[in-house]
Amino acid sequence: MDFGKYKYEAAVKARESRKKQVNASLKEIRFRLKIDTHDYETKVGHARRFLTGGDKVKAMIQFRGREQQRPEMGVRLLERMAGDLAEVSTIESNPRVDGRNMVMVLAPLRGKAEARKESQQRSGGRKGRERVDTKNAKPVSNSLADAMPEELKAQASEADSE
C-alpha cells in the first residue's frame, strides 16, 4: 500500500471519529435565595429541557447581604431542585460554597448522542415538518357564523329582520 492511500484512509478515519464525538456542554442556571414558586418552576423547566437535550446543568444560587449567613437555606433549595429533576438527572457534584455563590452540577441520565437520536426518531428522521399538499383543499373560513349551528343562524336572521 502506498503512503498516499494510507494518509487518505487515516484522514477518513479521523473525520468519522470527529462526527461521532459529542460535546456535552454545561448550561448555567442562576437563582437567588428568595425565589418565588413560579420563577422556581420556570427555572426548573429550563433545566429539565437542558437535561433532556443531553447537557449538564450548573445550578448557582447567588447570596447577597445577610443571605450569606444562611447557607443551609441554599442547600435546601438546591436539594429540592435535584429532587424535582431526579427522573432526568443525577447529582454530579453536591452543593458547595464558592465565594458568594453556592453551586451544584446535575448530569443527564443519558448522553447527548442518545437524546439526539431519540429526537430524530420522534420527528421521523426529517428536520422540520412534512409538507402538506394544499392545492386542492377548500379555503378555511375564520368566520364565527360558519361555526354556528343552522338553528341559531335562522334565529339570528329572524331577529335581524324584525
Protein backbone atom coordinates (compact mmCIF):
# COMPACT_ATOMS: atom_id res chain seq x y z
CA MET A 1 0.00 0.00 0.00
CA ASP A 2 1.40 3.39 -0.91
CA PHE A 3 1.77 6.25 1.53
CA GLY A 4 -0.86 8.47 -0.17
CA LYS A 5 -3.56 5.84 0.25
CA TYR A 6 -2.56 5.33 3.90
CA LYS A 7 -2.74 9.08 4.53
CA TYR A 8 -6.17 9.29 2.89
CA GLU A 9 -7.58 6.41 4.98
CA ALA A 10 -6.21 7.96 8.18
CA ALA A 11 -7.90 11.26 7.30
CA VAL A 12 -11.21 9.48 6.63
CA LYS A 13 -10.99 7.68 10.00
CA ALA A 14 -10.23 10.94 11.79
CA ARG A 15 -13.20 12.64 10.10
CA GLU A 16 -15.55 9.81 11.09
CA SER A 17 -14.38 9.88 14.70
CA ARG A 18 -14.96 13.66 14.84
CA LYS A 19 -18.50 13.14 13.54
CA LYS A 20 -19.28 10.60 16.25
CA GLN A 21 -17.76 12.70 19.02
CA VAL A 22 -20.36 14.61 21.01
CA ASN A 23 -19.50 17.56 23.24
CA ALA A 24 -21.73 17.81 26.28
CA SER A 25 -21.93 21.47 27.14
CA LEU A 26 -22.54 22.91 30.59
CA LYS A 27 -25.59 25.16 30.90
CA GLU A 28 -25.83 27.50 33.87
CA ILE A 29 -29.00 28.47 35.73
CA ARG A 30 -28.81 31.23 38.34
CA PHE A 31 -31.14 31.59 41.30
CA ARG A 32 -31.46 33.98 44.17
CA LEU A 33 -32.19 32.58 47.59
CA LYS A 34 -35.58 34.30 47.76
CA ILE A 35 -37.25 32.94 44.63
CA ASP A 36 -41.00 32.80 44.07
CA THR A 37 -42.68 29.49 43.19
CA HIS A 38 -43.47 30.36 39.56
CA ASP A 39 -39.95 31.64 38.94
CA TYR A 40 -38.56 28.47 40.51
CA GLU A 41 -40.78 26.28 38.33
CA THR A 42 -39.69 28.20 35.23
CA LYS A 43 -36.02 27.71 36.07
CA VAL A 44 -36.59 24.01 36.78
CA GLY A 45 -38.39 23.73 33.43
CA HIS A 46 -35.38 25.23 31.65
CA ALA A 47 -33.06 22.85 33.50
CA ARG A 48 -35.27 19.89 32.54
CA ARG A 49 -35.12 20.94 28.88
CA PHE A 50 -31.32 21.20 29.03
CA LEU A 51 -31.01 17.81 30.74
CA THR A 52 -33.31 16.01 28.29
CA GLY A 53 -31.24 17.56 25.50
CA GLY A 54 -28.18 15.86 26.98
CA ASP A 55 -26.47 18.90 28.52
CA LYS A 56 -25.18 19.20 32.06
CA VAL A 57 -26.73 21.90 34.26
CA LYS A 58 -24.84 24.05 36.74
CA ALA A 59 -27.32 25.43 39.28
CA MET A 60 -25.98 28.51 41.05
CA ILE A 61 -27.53 30.38 43.96
CA GLN A 62 -26.28 33.93 44.44
CA PHE A 63 -26.17 35.14 48.04
CA ARG A 64 -26.38 38.85 48.82
CA GLY A 65 -26.07 40.68 52.11
CA ARG A 66 -27.38 38.78 55.11
CA GLU A 67 -28.30 35.80 52.92
CA GLN A 68 -24.63 34.75 53.15
CA GLN A 69 -25.16 33.86 56.81
CA ARG A 70 -27.79 31.23 55.88
CA PRO A 71 -26.11 28.73 53.51
CA GLU A 72 -28.34 25.89 54.78
CA MET A 73 -31.30 27.55 53.04
CA GLY A 74 -29.35 27.43 49.77
CA VAL A 75 -28.58 23.74 50.30
CA ARG A 76 -32.29 23.08 50.86
CA LEU A 77 -33.22 24.90 47.64
CA LEU A 78 -30.65 23.01 45.58
CA GLU A 79 -31.69 19.66 47.08
CA ARG A 80 -35.32 20.50 46.25
CA MET A 81 -34.28 21.21 42.67
CA ALA A 82 -32.34 17.93 42.49
CA GLY A 83 -35.41 16.09 43.80
CA ASP A 84 -37.66 17.73 41.20
CA LEU A 85 -35.25 16.74 38.41
CA ALA A 86 -34.46 13.24 39.75
CA GLU A 87 -36.20 11.46 36.84
CA VAL A 88 -33.93 13.08 34.23
CA SER A 89 -30.69 13.73 36.13
CA THR A 90 -28.18 12.68 38.74
CA ILE A 91 -26.12 14.89 41.03
CA GLU A 92 -22.60 15.14 39.67
CA SER A 93 -21.29 17.47 42.37
CA ASN A 94 -23.02 18.18 45.67
CA PRO A 95 -23.81 21.77 46.71
CA ARG A 96 -20.64 23.66 47.62
CA VAL A 97 -19.96 27.28 48.52
CA ASP A 98 -17.85 29.22 46.04
CA GLY A 99 -17.40 32.78 47.31
CA ARG A 100 -20.82 34.47 47.31
CA ASN A 101 -22.36 31.62 45.33
CA MET A 102 -23.44 28.06 46.02
CA VAL A 103 -23.02 25.67 43.09
CA MET A 104 -24.35 22.21 42.24
CA VAL A 105 -23.86 20.35 38.94
CA LEU A 106 -26.51 17.97 37.57
CA ALA A 107 -25.71 15.45 34.84
CA PRO A 108 -28.30 13.92 32.48
CA LEU A 109 -29.17 10.25 32.87
CA ARG A 110 -28.47 9.65 29.18
CA GLY A 111 -25.92 11.19 26.89
CA LYS A 112 -26.33 13.87 24.27
CA ALA A 113 -25.96 11.37 21.43
CA GLU A 114 -28.85 9.28 22.77
CA ALA A 115 -31.02 12.39 23.19
CA ARG A 116 -30.30 13.50 19.62
CA LYS A 117 -31.08 10.02 18.28
CA GLU A 118 -34.38 9.91 20.17
CA SER A 119 -35.44 13.35 18.95
CA GLN A 120 -34.70 12.32 15.35
CA GLN A 121 -36.81 9.18 15.79
CA ARG A 122 -39.67 11.26 17.20
CA SER A 123 -39.53 13.65 14.27
CA GLY A 124 -39.44 10.78 11.79
CA GLY A 125 -35.83 11.34 10.84
CA ARG A 126 -36.57 14.53 8.93
CA LYS A 127 -35.77 18.02 10.00
CA GLY A 128 -38.90 20.11 10.34
CA ARG A 129 -42.41 19.08 9.44
CA GLU A 130 -43.61 17.21 6.42
CA ARG A 131 -45.19 19.26 3.69
CA VAL A 132 -48.93 19.06 3.11
CA ASP A 133 -50.48 19.44 -0.34
CA THR A 134 -52.90 22.39 -0.16
CA LYS A 135 -53.63 22.88 -3.87
CA ASN A 136 -56.98 21.03 -3.85
CA ALA A 137 -58.02 21.95 -0.30
CA LYS A 138 -61.07 24.06 0.49
CA PRO A 139 -60.33 27.57 1.76
CA VAL A 140 -60.61 27.93 5.52
CA SER A 141 -63.09 30.44 6.84
CA ASN A 142 -62.45 32.01 10.21
CA SER A 143 -65.94 33.44 10.50
CA LEU A 144 -67.83 32.69 13.69
CA ALA A 145 -71.05 32.45 11.70
CA ASP A 146 -69.72 29.43 9.79
CA ALA A 147 -69.26 27.53 13.06
CA MET A 148 -72.81 28.28 14.29
CA PRO A 149 -75.49 25.58 14.05
CA GLU A 150 -78.20 26.14 11.44
CA GLU A 151 -80.90 26.70 14.11
CA LEU A 152 -79.00 29.63 15.61
CA LYS A 153 -78.37 31.11 12.17
CA ALA A 154 -82.12 31.01 11.47
CA GLN A 155 -82.90 32.67 14.82
CA ALA A 156 -80.32 35.37 14.18
CA SER A 157 -81.70 36.13 10.71
CA GLU A 158 -85.27 36.35 12.13
CA ALA A 159 -84.10 38.76 14.83
CA ASP A 160 -82.34 40.93 12.22
CA SER A 161 -85.45 41.12 10.02
CA GLU A 162 -87.72 42.28 12.89
